[in-house]
C-alpha atoms as a PDB file:
ATOM      1  CA  MET A   1      27.229  26.900 -56.663  1.00  0.00           C
ATOM      2  CA  LYS A   2      23.484  27.419 -56.795  1.00  0.00           C
ATOM      3  CA  LYS A   3      22.993  23.658 -56.770  1.00  0.00           C
ATOM      4  CA  THR A   4      25.212  23.373 -53.688  1.00  0.00           C
ATOM      5  CA  TYR A   5      23.124  26.015 -51.835  1.00  0.00           C
ATOM      6  CA  CYS A   6      19.950  24.145 -52.716  1.00  0.00           C
ATOM      7  CA  ILE A   7      21.356  20.938 -51.309  1.00  0.00           C
ATOM      8  CA  LEU A   8      22.488  22.663 -48.108  1.00  0.00           C
ATOM      9  CA  PHE A   9      19.099  24.347 -47.734  1.00  0.00           C
ATOM     10  CA  ALA A  10      17.321  21.024 -48.194  1.00  0.00           C
ATOM     11  CA  LEU A  11      19.535  19.400 -45.566  1.00  0.00           C
ATOM     12  CA  LEU A  12      18.833  22.280 -43.172  1.00  0.00           C
ATOM     13  CA  MET A  13      15.060  21.907 -43.651  1.00  0.00           C
ATOM     14  CA  LEU A  14      15.309  18.151 -43.130  1.00  0.00           C
ATOM     15  CA  ASN A  15      17.251  18.679 -39.914  1.00  0.00           C
ATOM     16  CA  LEU A  16      14.687  21.187 -38.628  1.00  0.00           C
ATOM     17  CA  ALA A  17      11.854  18.789 -39.457  1.00  0.00           C
ATOM     18  CA  SER A  18      13.596  15.988 -37.556  1.00  0.00           C
ATOM     19  CA  SER A  19      14.075  18.294 -34.555  1.00  0.00           C
ATOM     20  CA  ALA A  20      10.380  19.223 -34.612  1.00  0.00           C
ATOM     21  CA  GLN A  21       9.351  15.575 -34.660  1.00  0.00           C
ATOM     22  CA  ALA A  22      11.594  14.910 -31.631  1.00  0.00           C
ATOM     23  CA  LEU A  23      10.084  17.761 -29.595  1.00  0.00           C
ATOM     24  CA  ARG A  24       8.821  16.560 -26.219  1.00  0.00           C
ATOM     25  CA  LEU A  25       6.058  18.287 -24.294  1.00  0.00           C
ATOM     26  CA  PRO A  26       4.757  17.580 -20.773  1.00  0.00           C
ATOM     27  CA  ALA A  27       1.815  15.186 -20.648  1.00  0.00           C
ATOM     28  CA  ALA A  28      -1.491  16.881 -19.922  1.00  0.00           C
ATOM     29  CA  SER A  29      -2.260  14.062 -17.483  1.00  0.00           C
ATOM     30  CA  THR A  30       0.888  12.670 -15.935  1.00  0.00           C
ATOM     31  CA  THR A  31       1.359   8.975 -15.185  1.00  0.00           C
ATOM     32  CA  GLN A  32       2.070   7.710 -11.700  1.00  0.00           C
ATOM     33  CA  SER A  33       3.054   4.230 -10.522  1.00  0.00           C
ATOM     34  CA  VAL A  34       2.594   3.137  -6.909  1.00  0.00           C
ATOM     35  CA  GLN A  35       3.636  -0.071  -5.185  1.00  0.00           C
ATOM     36  CA  GLN A  36       2.211  -0.785  -1.745  1.00  0.00           C
ATOM     37  CA  ASP A  37       3.467  -3.727   0.305  1.00  0.00           C
ATOM     38  CA  PHE A  38       0.396  -5.554   1.536  1.00  0.00           C
ATOM     39  CA  GLY A  39      -0.169  -8.908   3.194  1.00  0.00           C
ATOM     40  CA  LEU A  40       2.597 -11.230   2.057  1.00  0.00           C
ATOM     41  CA  SER A  41       3.103  -9.526  -1.319  1.00  0.00           C
ATOM     42  CA  SER A  42       2.155  -6.119  -2.758  1.00  0.00           C
ATOM     43  CA  ILE A  43      -0.378  -4.112  -4.744  1.00  0.00           C
ATOM     44  CA  LYS A  44       0.876  -2.306  -7.848  1.00  0.00           C
ATOM     45  CA  LEU A  45      -1.016   0.599  -9.379  1.00  0.00           C
ATOM     46  CA  THR A  46      -0.463   2.569 -12.578  1.00  0.00           C
ATOM     47  CA  TYR A  47      -2.755   5.463 -13.525  1.00  0.00           C
ATOM     48  CA  SER A  48      -2.881   8.885 -15.171  1.00  0.00           C
ATOM     49  CA  ARG A  49      -3.689  12.060 -13.231  1.00  0.00           C
ATOM     50  CA  PRO A  50      -5.932  14.659 -14.856  1.00  0.00           C
ATOM     51  CA  ASN A  51      -6.238  18.110 -13.216  1.00  0.00           C
ATOM     52  CA  VAL A  52      -9.260  20.141 -12.211  1.00  0.00           C
ATOM     53  CA  LYS A  53      -8.152  23.291 -14.078  1.00  0.00           C
ATOM     54  CA  GLY A  54     -11.077  25.293 -12.745  1.00  0.00           C
ATOM     55  CA  ARG A  55     -13.695  22.879 -14.048  1.00  0.00           C
ATOM     56  CA  LYS A  56     -16.567  21.232 -12.221  1.00  0.00           C
ATOM     57  CA  ILE A  57     -15.630  17.569 -12.168  1.00  0.00           C
ATOM     58  CA  PHE A  58     -18.158  15.000 -10.980  1.00  0.00           C
ATOM     59  CA  GLY A  59     -21.595  15.372 -12.439  1.00  0.00           C
ATOM     60  CA  THR A  60     -20.320  17.631 -15.246  1.00  0.00           C
ATOM     61  CA  LEU A  61     -16.900  16.790 -16.744  1.00  0.00           C
ATOM     62  CA  ILE A  62     -17.308  13.230 -15.455  1.00  0.00           C
ATOM     63  CA  PRO A  63     -21.041  12.479 -15.805  1.00  0.00           C
ATOM     64  CA  PHE A  64     -22.883  10.566 -13.122  1.00  0.00           C
ATOM     65  CA  GLY A  65     -24.128   7.138 -14.132  1.00  0.00           C
ATOM     66  CA  GLN A  66     -21.548   6.493 -16.878  1.00  0.00           C
ATOM     67  CA  VAL A  67     -18.516   4.194 -16.946  1.00  0.00           C
ATOM     68  CA  TRP A  68     -15.329   6.182 -16.321  1.00  0.00           C
ATOM     69  CA  ARG A  69     -11.770   5.013 -16.932  1.00  0.00           C
ATOM     70  CA  THR A  70     -10.956   6.282 -13.404  1.00  0.00           C
ATOM     71  CA  GLY A  71      -8.202   8.605 -14.495  1.00  0.00           C
ATOM     72  CA  ALA A  72      -7.053   9.719 -17.941  1.00  0.00           C
ATOM     73  CA  ASN A  73      -5.635   8.027 -21.029  1.00  0.00           C
ATOM     74  CA  ALA A  74      -5.601   4.238 -20.561  1.00  0.00           C
ATOM     75  CA  PRO A  75      -7.657   2.864 -17.656  1.00  0.00           C
ATOM     76  CA  SER A  76      -5.972   2.649 -14.280  1.00  0.00           C
ATOM     77  CA  LYS A  77      -4.434  -0.780 -13.691  1.00  0.00           C
ATOM     78  CA  LEU A  78      -4.218  -2.708 -10.420  1.00  0.00           C
ATOM     79  CA  THR A  79      -2.017  -5.760  -9.906  1.00  0.00           C
ATOM     80  CA  PHE A  80      -2.503  -7.904  -6.803  1.00  0.00           C
ATOM     81  CA  GLY A  81       0.359 -10.178  -5.816  1.00  0.00           C
ATOM     82  CA  GLU A  82      -1.955 -12.516  -3.922  1.00  0.00           C
ATOM     83  CA  ASP A  83      -5.666 -13.207  -3.548  1.00  0.00           C
ATOM     84  CA  VAL A  84      -7.489 -10.359  -1.799  1.00  0.00           C
ATOM     85  CA  MET A  85     -11.022  -9.279  -0.994  1.00  0.00           C
ATOM     86  CA  VAL A  86     -12.284  -5.973  -2.409  1.00  0.00           C
ATOM     87  CA  GLU A  87     -15.259  -4.790  -0.378  1.00  0.00           C
ATOM     88  CA  GLY A  88     -15.817  -8.396   0.669  1.00  0.00           C
ATOM     89  CA  LYS A  89     -15.576  -9.946  -2.808  1.00  0.00           C
ATOM     90  CA  LEU A  90     -12.778 -12.299  -3.835  1.00  0.00           C
ATOM     91  CA  VAL A  91     -10.192 -11.017  -6.313  1.00  0.00           C
ATOM     92  CA  PRO A  92      -7.619 -13.611  -7.420  1.00  0.00           C
ATOM     93  CA  ALA A  93      -3.999 -12.523  -7.806  1.00  0.00           C
ATOM     94  CA  GLY A  94      -3.430 -10.833 -11.177  1.00  0.00           C
ATOM     95  CA  GLU A  95      -3.767  -7.602 -13.168  1.00  0.00           C
ATOM     96  CA  TYR A  96      -7.063  -5.769 -13.661  1.00  0.00           C
ATOM     97  CA  ALA A  97      -8.311  -2.548 -15.222  1.00  0.00           C
ATOM     98  CA  LEU A  98     -10.008  -0.207 -12.771  1.00  0.00           C
ATOM     99  CA  TYR A  99     -13.237   1.414 -13.949  1.00  0.00           C
ATOM    100  CA  SER A 100     -15.937   3.165 -11.983  1.00  0.00           C
ATOM    101  CA  ILE A 101     -19.407   4.608 -12.337  1.00  0.00           C
ATOM    102  CA  PRO A 102     -19.537   7.830 -10.294  1.00  0.00           C
ATOM    103  CA  GLY A 103     -22.776   8.869  -8.631  1.00  0.00           C
ATOM    104  CA  LYS A 104     -23.850  11.666  -6.349  1.00  0.00           C
ATOM    105  CA  ASP A 105     -24.517   9.360  -3.403  1.00  0.00           C
ATOM    106  CA  GLU A 106     -23.001   6.049  -4.528  1.00  0.00           C
ATOM    107  CA  TRP A 107     -20.155   4.863  -6.748  1.00  0.00           C
ATOM    108  CA  THR A 108     -19.756   1.523  -8.500  1.00  0.00           C
ATOM    109  CA  ILE A 109     -16.170   0.261  -8.489  1.00  0.00           C
ATOM    110  CA  ILE A 110     -15.360  -2.141 -11.318  1.00  0.00           C
ATOM    111  CA  LEU A 111     -12.429  -4.485 -11.858  1.00  0.00           C
ATOM    112  CA  SER A 112     -12.259  -5.659 -15.463  1.00  0.00           C
ATOM    113  CA  LYS A 113     -10.299  -8.612 -16.795  1.00  0.00           C
ATOM    114  CA  ASN A 114      -9.719  -6.696 -20.048  1.00  0.00           C
ATOM    115  CA  THR A 115      -6.622  -4.536 -19.514  1.00  0.00           C
ATOM    116  CA  LYS A 116      -5.945  -3.709 -23.187  1.00  0.00           C
ATOM    117  CA  LEU A 117      -8.472  -0.938 -23.882  1.00  0.00           C
ATOM    118  CA  TRP A 118      -7.887   2.802 -24.300  1.00  0.00           C
ATOM    119  CA  GLY A 119     -10.102   4.744 -21.947  1.00  0.00           C
ATOM    120  CA  ALA A 120     -13.566   3.220 -21.738  1.00  0.00           C
ATOM    121  CA  MET A 121     -13.812   2.645 -25.494  1.00  0.00           C
ATOM    122  CA  GLY A 122     -14.801  -0.961 -26.086  1.00  0.00           C
ATOM    123  CA  TYR A 123     -15.605  -1.565 -22.419  1.00  0.00           C
ATOM    124  CA  GLN A 124     -18.012  -4.469 -21.923  1.00  0.00           C
ATOM    125  CA  GLU A 125     -19.667  -5.464 -18.686  1.00  0.00           C
ATOM    126  CA  SER A 126     -19.137  -9.110 -19.642  1.00  0.00           C
ATOM    127  CA  ASP A 127     -15.405  -8.566 -18.969  1.00  0.00           C
ATOM    128  CA  ASP A 128     -16.049  -7.549 -15.360  1.00  0.00           C
ATOM    129  CA  LEU A 129     -14.507  -9.586 -12.595  1.00  0.00           C
ATOM    130  CA  LEU A 130     -16.575  -7.743 -10.015  1.00  0.00           C
ATOM    131  CA  ARG A 131     -18.650  -4.684  -9.228  1.00  0.00           C
ATOM    132  CA  VAL A 132     -19.004  -3.250  -5.715  1.00  0.00           C
ATOM    133  CA  LYS A 133     -20.891  -0.250  -4.342  1.00  0.00           C
ATOM    134  CA  VAL A 134     -19.167   2.335  -2.141  1.00  0.00           C
ATOM    135  CA  LYS A 135     -20.127   5.687  -0.641  1.00  0.00           C
ATOM    136  CA  PRO A 136     -18.245   8.853  -1.663  1.00  0.00           C
ATOM    137  CA  LEU A 137     -17.161  11.378   0.952  1.00  0.00           C
ATOM    138  CA  ALA A 138     -17.205  15.164   0.520  1.00  0.00           C
ATOM    139  CA  LEU A 139     -13.989  17.120   1.083  1.00  0.00           C
ATOM    140  CA  ASN A 140     -13.833  20.715   2.287  1.00  0.00           C
ATOM    141  CA  ASN A 141     -10.977  21.661  -0.039  1.00  0.00           C
ATOM    142  CA  SER A 142     -10.449  20.847  -3.688  1.00  0.00           C
ATOM    143  CA  VAL A 143      -7.640  18.450  -4.706  1.00  0.00           C
ATOM    144  CA  GLU A 144      -6.228  19.622  -8.051  1.00  0.00           C
ATOM    145  CA  SER A 145      -4.673  16.413  -9.388  1.00  0.00           C
ATOM    146  CA  PHE A 146      -6.609  13.143  -9.428  1.00  0.00           C
ATOM    147  CA  SER A 147      -4.981  10.771  -6.943  1.00  0.00           C
ATOM    148  CA  ILE A 148      -5.246   7.105  -6.045  1.00  0.00           C
ATOM    149  CA  GLY A 149      -3.421   5.944  -2.948  1.00  0.00           C
ATOM    150  CA  PHE A 150      -3.429   3.454  -0.105  1.00  0.00           C
ATOM    151  CA  GLU A 151      -4.186   4.517   3.453  1.00  0.00           C
ATOM    152  CA  LYS A 152      -4.940   2.799   6.778  1.00  0.00           C
ATOM    153  CA  VAL A 153      -2.484   0.059   5.791  1.00  0.00           C
ATOM    154  CA  LEU A 154      -2.582  -2.684   8.421  1.00  0.00           C
ATOM    155  CA  THR A 155      -1.422  -6.306   8.454  1.00  0.00           C
ATOM    156  CA  ASN A 156      -4.491  -7.619   6.672  1.00  0.00           C
ATOM    157  CA  SER A 157      -6.434  -4.584   5.470  1.00  0.00           C
ATOM    158  CA  CYS A 158      -5.982  -1.268   3.716  1.00  0.00           C
ATOM    159  CA  GLU A 159      -8.091   1.400   2.065  1.00  0.00           C
ATOM    160  CA  MET A 160      -7.635   2.418  -1.546  1.00  0.00           C
ATOM    161  CA  GLN A 161      -8.694   6.056  -1.873  1.00  0.00           C
ATOM    162  CA  LEU A 162      -9.757   7.795  -5.081  1.00  0.00           C
ATOM    163  CA  ILE A 163      -9.488  11.556  -4.572  1.00  0.00           C
ATOM    164  CA  TRP A 164     -10.267  14.395  -6.966  1.00  0.00           C
ATOM    165  CA  ASP A 165     -11.683  17.877  -6.575  1.00  0.00           C
ATOM    166  CA  LYS A 166     -13.879  17.709  -3.459  1.00  0.00           C
ATOM    167  CA  THR A 167     -14.632  13.982  -3.540  1.00  0.00           C
ATOM    168  CA  LEU A 168     -12.954  11.046  -1.790  1.00  0.00           C
ATOM    169  CA  VAL A 169     -14.026   7.486  -2.604  1.00  0.00           C
ATOM    170  CA  PRO A 170     -12.790   4.798  -0.147  1.00  0.00           C
ATOM    171  CA  VAL A 171     -12.490   1.159  -1.238  1.00  0.00           C
ATOM    172  CA  LYS A 172     -11.649  -1.458   1.404  1.00  0.00           C
ATOM    173  CA  ILE A 173      -9.173  -4.227   0.552  1.00  0.00           C
ATOM    174  CA  THR A 174      -8.505  -7.156   2.876  1.00  0.00           C
ATOM    175  CA  THR A 175      -6.473 -10.352   2.805  1.00  0.00           C
ATOM    176  CA  ASP A 176      -6.466 -13.486   4.930  1.00  0.00           C
ATOM    177  CA  ILE A 177      -2.818 -13.905   5.815  1.00  0.00           C
ATOM    178  CA  ASP A 178      -3.234 -15.111   9.400  1.00  0.00           C
ATOM    179  CA  SER A 179      -3.905 -18.722   8.420  1.00  0.00           C
ATOM    180  CA  LYS A 180      -0.912 -18.661   6.052  1.00  0.00           C
ATOM    181  CA  ILE A 181       1.426 -17.185   8.667  1.00  0.00           C
ATOM    182  CA  MET A 182       0.249 -19.542  11.421  1.00  0.00           C
ATOM    183  CA  ALA A 183       0.805 -22.513   9.132  1.00  0.00           C
ATOM    184  CA  GLY A 184       4.230 -21.123   8.251  1.00  0.00           C
ATOM    185  CA  ILE A 185       5.153 -20.737  11.913  1.00  0.00           C
ATOM    186  CA  ASP A 186       4.019 -24.279  12.705  1.00  0.00           C
ATOM    187  CA  ALA A 187       6.090 -25.652   9.835  1.00  0.00           C
ATOM    188  CA  ALA A 188       9.160 -23.566  10.698  1.00  0.00           C
ATOM    189  CA  MET A 189       9.069 -24.666  14.312  1.00  0.00           C
ATOM    190  CA  GLN A 190       9.495 -28.259  13.146  1.00  0.00           C
ATOM    191  CA  GLY A 191      12.798 -27.386  11.473  1.00  0.00           C
ATOM    192  CA  SER A 192      16.282 -26.972  12.894  1.00  0.00           C
ATOM    193  CA  ASN A 193      16.469 -23.172  12.462  1.00  0.00           C
ATOM    194  CA  LYS A 194      13.466 -22.070  14.508  1.00  0.00           C
ATOM    195  CA  PRO A 195      12.368 -18.412  14.076  1.00  0.00           C
ATOM    196  CA  PHE A 196      11.746 -17.798  17.784  1.00  0.00           C
ATOM    197  CA  TYR A 197      11.857 -13.995  17.635  1.00  0.00           C
ATOM    198  CA  GLN A 198       9.684 -13.607  14.527  1.00  0.00           C
ATOM    199  CA  ALA A 199       7.121 -16.080  15.832  1.00  0.00           C
ATOM    200  CA  ALA A 200       6.969 -14.436  19.261  1.00  0.00           C
ATOM    201  CA  SER A 201       6.617 -11.028  17.631  1.00  0.00           C
ATOM    202  CA  TYR A 202       3.688 -12.178  15.470  1.00  0.00           C
ATOM    203  CA  TYR A 203       1.959 -13.815  18.431  1.00  0.00           C
ATOM    204  CA  PHE A 204       2.360 -10.655  20.510  1.00  0.00           C
ATOM    205  CA  ASP A 205       1.223  -8.253  17.779  1.00  0.00           C
ATOM    206  CA  ASN A 206      -1.825 -10.339  16.910  1.00  0.00           C
ATOM    207  CA  ASN A 207      -3.030 -11.286  20.387  1.00  0.00           C
ATOM    208  CA  LYS A 208      -2.165 -14.972  20.118  1.00  0.00           C
ATOM    209  CA  ASP A 209      -1.065 -17.310  22.912  1.00  0.00           C
ATOM    210  CA  LEU A 210       1.162 -15.137  25.125  1.00  0.00           C
ATOM    211  CA  ASN A 211       2.528 -18.111  27.053  1.00  0.00           C
ATOM    212  CA  LYS A 212       3.846 -19.617  23.837  1.00  0.00           C
ATOM    213  CA  ALA A 213       5.183 -16.226  22.726  1.00  0.00           C
ATOM    214  CA  TYR A 214       6.985 -15.914  26.071  1.00  0.00           C
ATOM    215  CA  GLU A 215       8.614 -19.332  25.704  1.00  0.00           C
ATOM    216  CA  TRP A 216       9.845 -18.399  22.242  1.00  0.00           C
ATOM    217  CA  ILE A 217      11.202 -14.952  23.150  1.00  0.00           C
ATOM    218  CA  LYS A 218      13.131 -16.440  26.082  1.00  0.00           C
ATOM    219  CA  GLU A 219      14.726 -18.886  23.650  1.00  0.00           C
ATOM    220  CA  ALA A 220      15.550 -16.008  21.299  1.00  0.00           C
ATOM    221  CA  THR A 221      17.127 -13.752  23.960  1.00  0.00           C
ATOM    222  CA  SER A 222      19.067 -16.645  25.464  1.00  0.00           C
ATOM    223  CA  ALA A 223      20.666 -17.331  22.081  1.00  0.00           C
ATOM    224  CA  ASN A 224      21.173 -13.600  21.326  1.00  0.00           C
ATOM    225  CA  PRO A 225      21.972 -11.762  24.593  1.00  0.00           C
ATOM    226  CA  LYS A 226      23.123  -8.623  22.763  1.00  0.00           C
ATOM    227  CA  ALA A 227      19.947  -8.330  20.679  1.00  0.00           C
ATOM    228  CA  TYR A 228      18.398  -5.426  22.606  1.00  0.00           C
ATOM    229  CA  TRP A 229      15.367  -5.395  20.306  1.00  0.00           C
ATOM    230  CA  MET A 230      14.586  -8.977  21.290  1.00  0.00           C
ATOM    231  CA  GLU A 231      14.992  -8.114  24.977  1.00  0.00           C
ATOM    232  CA  HIS A 232      12.598  -5.209  24.459  1.00  0.00           C
ATOM    233  CA  LEU A 233       9.984  -7.545  22.973  1.00  0.00           C
ATOM    234  CA  LYS A 234      10.473  -9.831  25.968  1.00  0.00           C
ATOM    235  CA  ALA A 235       9.765  -6.853  28.245  1.00  0.00           C
ATOM    236  CA  LYS A 236       6.600  -6.009  26.290  1.00  0.00           C
ATOM    237  CA  ILE A 237       5.334  -9.578  26.526  1.00  0.00           C
ATOM    238  CA  GLU A 238       6.074  -9.703  30.267  1.00  0.00           C
ATOM    239  CA  LEU A 239       4.244  -6.435  30.831  1.00  0.00           C
ATOM    240  CA  LYS A 240       1.229  -7.672  28.878  1.00  0.00           C
ATOM    241  CA  MET A 241       1.236 -10.844  30.988  1.00  0.00           C
ATOM    242  CA  GLY A 242       1.251  -8.771  34.189  1.00  0.00           C
ATOM    243  CA  LEU A 243       4.852  -9.651  35.071  1.00  0.00           C
ATOM    244  CA  LYS A 244       5.819  -6.068  35.938  1.00  0.00           C
ATOM    245  CA  ALA A 245       9.032  -6.735  37.853  1.00  0.00           C
ATOM    246  CA  GLU A 246      10.321  -9.042  35.104  1.00  0.00           C
ATOM    247  CA  ALA A 247       9.359  -6.502  32.428  1.00  0.00           C
ATOM    248  CA  ILE A 248      11.309  -3.744  34.183  1.00  0.00           C
ATOM    249  CA  GLU A 249      14.425  -5.937  34.497  1.00  0.00           C
ATOM    250  CA  SER A 250      14.225  -6.955  30.822  1.00  0.00           C
ATOM    251  CA  ALA A 251      13.815  -3.314  29.800  1.00  0.00           C
ATOM    252  CA  LYS A 252      16.875  -2.326  31.853  1.00  0.00           C
ATOM    253  CA  ARG A 253      18.949  -5.025  30.153  1.00  0.00           C
ATOM    254  CA  SER A 254      17.731  -3.804  26.769  1.00  0.00           C
ATOM    255  CA  ILE A 255      18.685  -0.217  27.678  1.00  0.00           C
ATOM    256  CA  ALA A 256      22.211  -1.222  28.685  1.00  0.00           C
ATOM    257  CA  VAL A 257      22.932  -2.917  25.356  1.00  0.00           C
ATOM    258  CA  ALA A 258      21.098  -0.256  23.306  1.00  0.00           C
ATOM    259  CA  GLU A 259      23.232   2.459  24.940  1.00  0.00           C
ATOM    260  CA  SER A 260      26.423   0.567  24.114  1.00  0.00           C
ATOM    261  CA  GLU A 261      25.220   0.289  20.510  1.00  0.00           C
ATOM    262  CA  LYS A 262      24.235   3.992  20.514  1.00  0.00           C
ATOM    263  CA  ASN A 263      20.610   3.272  19.639  1.00  0.00           C
ATOM    264  CA  GLN A 264      18.745   6.034  21.443  1.00  0.00           C
ATOM    265  CA  ASP A 265      15.400   4.990  19.992  1.00  0.00           C
ATOM    266  CA  TYR A 266      15.384   1.753  21.962  1.00  0.00           C
ATOM    267  CA  VAL A 267      16.634   3.519  25.069  1.00  0.00           C
ATOM    268  CA  VAL A 268      13.561   5.753  24.929  1.00  0.00           C
ATOM    269  CA  LEU A 269      11.193   2.860  24.149  1.00  0.00           C
ATOM    270  CA  ASN A 270      12.428   0.926  27.163  1.00  0.00           C
ATOM    271  CA  GLN A 271      12.261   3.969  29.426  1.00  0.00           C
ATOM    272  CA  GLN A 272       8.640   4.446  28.387  1.00  0.00           C
ATOM    273  CA  LEU A 273       7.898   0.779  29.095  1.00  0.00           C
ATOM    274  CA  ILE A 274       9.454   1.038  32.565  1.00  0.00           C
ATOM    275  CA  ALA A 275       7.393   4.136  33.320  1.00  0.00           C
ATOM    276  CA  GLU A 276       4.247   2.331  32.182  1.00  0.00           C
ATOM    277  CA  ALA A 277       5.060  -0.726  34.322  1.00  0.00           C
ATOM    278  CA  GLN A 278       5.644   1.440  37.396  1.00  0.00           C
ATOM    279  CA  LYS A 279       2.217   3.064  37.008  1.00  0.00           C
ATOM    280  CA  LYS A 280       0.384  -0.265  37.124  1.00  0.00           C
END
């Protein structure tokens, strides 16, 4: 009997030990992944987010003038789906580790080709793809968790922002997609399935040849008379060309179909366009 108790006790201790090993606790610095559509592809970001926790951050916890992993744990990683420019310097498509050297009045942003390190241990400048200088901005209120995000996202530019405590560091990213899109439009227009609406929309949004955009949108609306969104674009192009009467008529046609499809958003957009045309 005593032997049986000993065996049961040993099994109980083993089970408790296994449970202890399986215990999960929250990470001190949580991981976040972000994917931002940009240009004709996307930017992917993975990083860890340390917290202020009442400490003085830049210049104390994170010393000025030293390479920082730009987050916690492993270095932050950026993956570009296509070639971009970071602060005017070419970055080929691919994955990079994001490091930085904080300073009181100037930061150095680093993209390293070595993505396998832990923290900044083993970092070597010879692995750098680029270094750029940027100016930090002071915030009025403290941000508790370190954050990296993308703001001011336009067709061919965006701003990556590093934010922690009372500091914001903006990094400009651009891409040359206009030449690619224009070449794509030219090629598509040689085919049998011509993208009239998409091409007209790009020409209108990017201040290209309005006469060509107008030809294309008329082709699109003629083939799709119930496409109220296409008719609305036609009205916008006409208004921009100074064809106010035509713009009003196109907007009215768009309203009629949008109402039948119960799309109040386009009803309002067209009403606003008509009001704008009547003011001019």
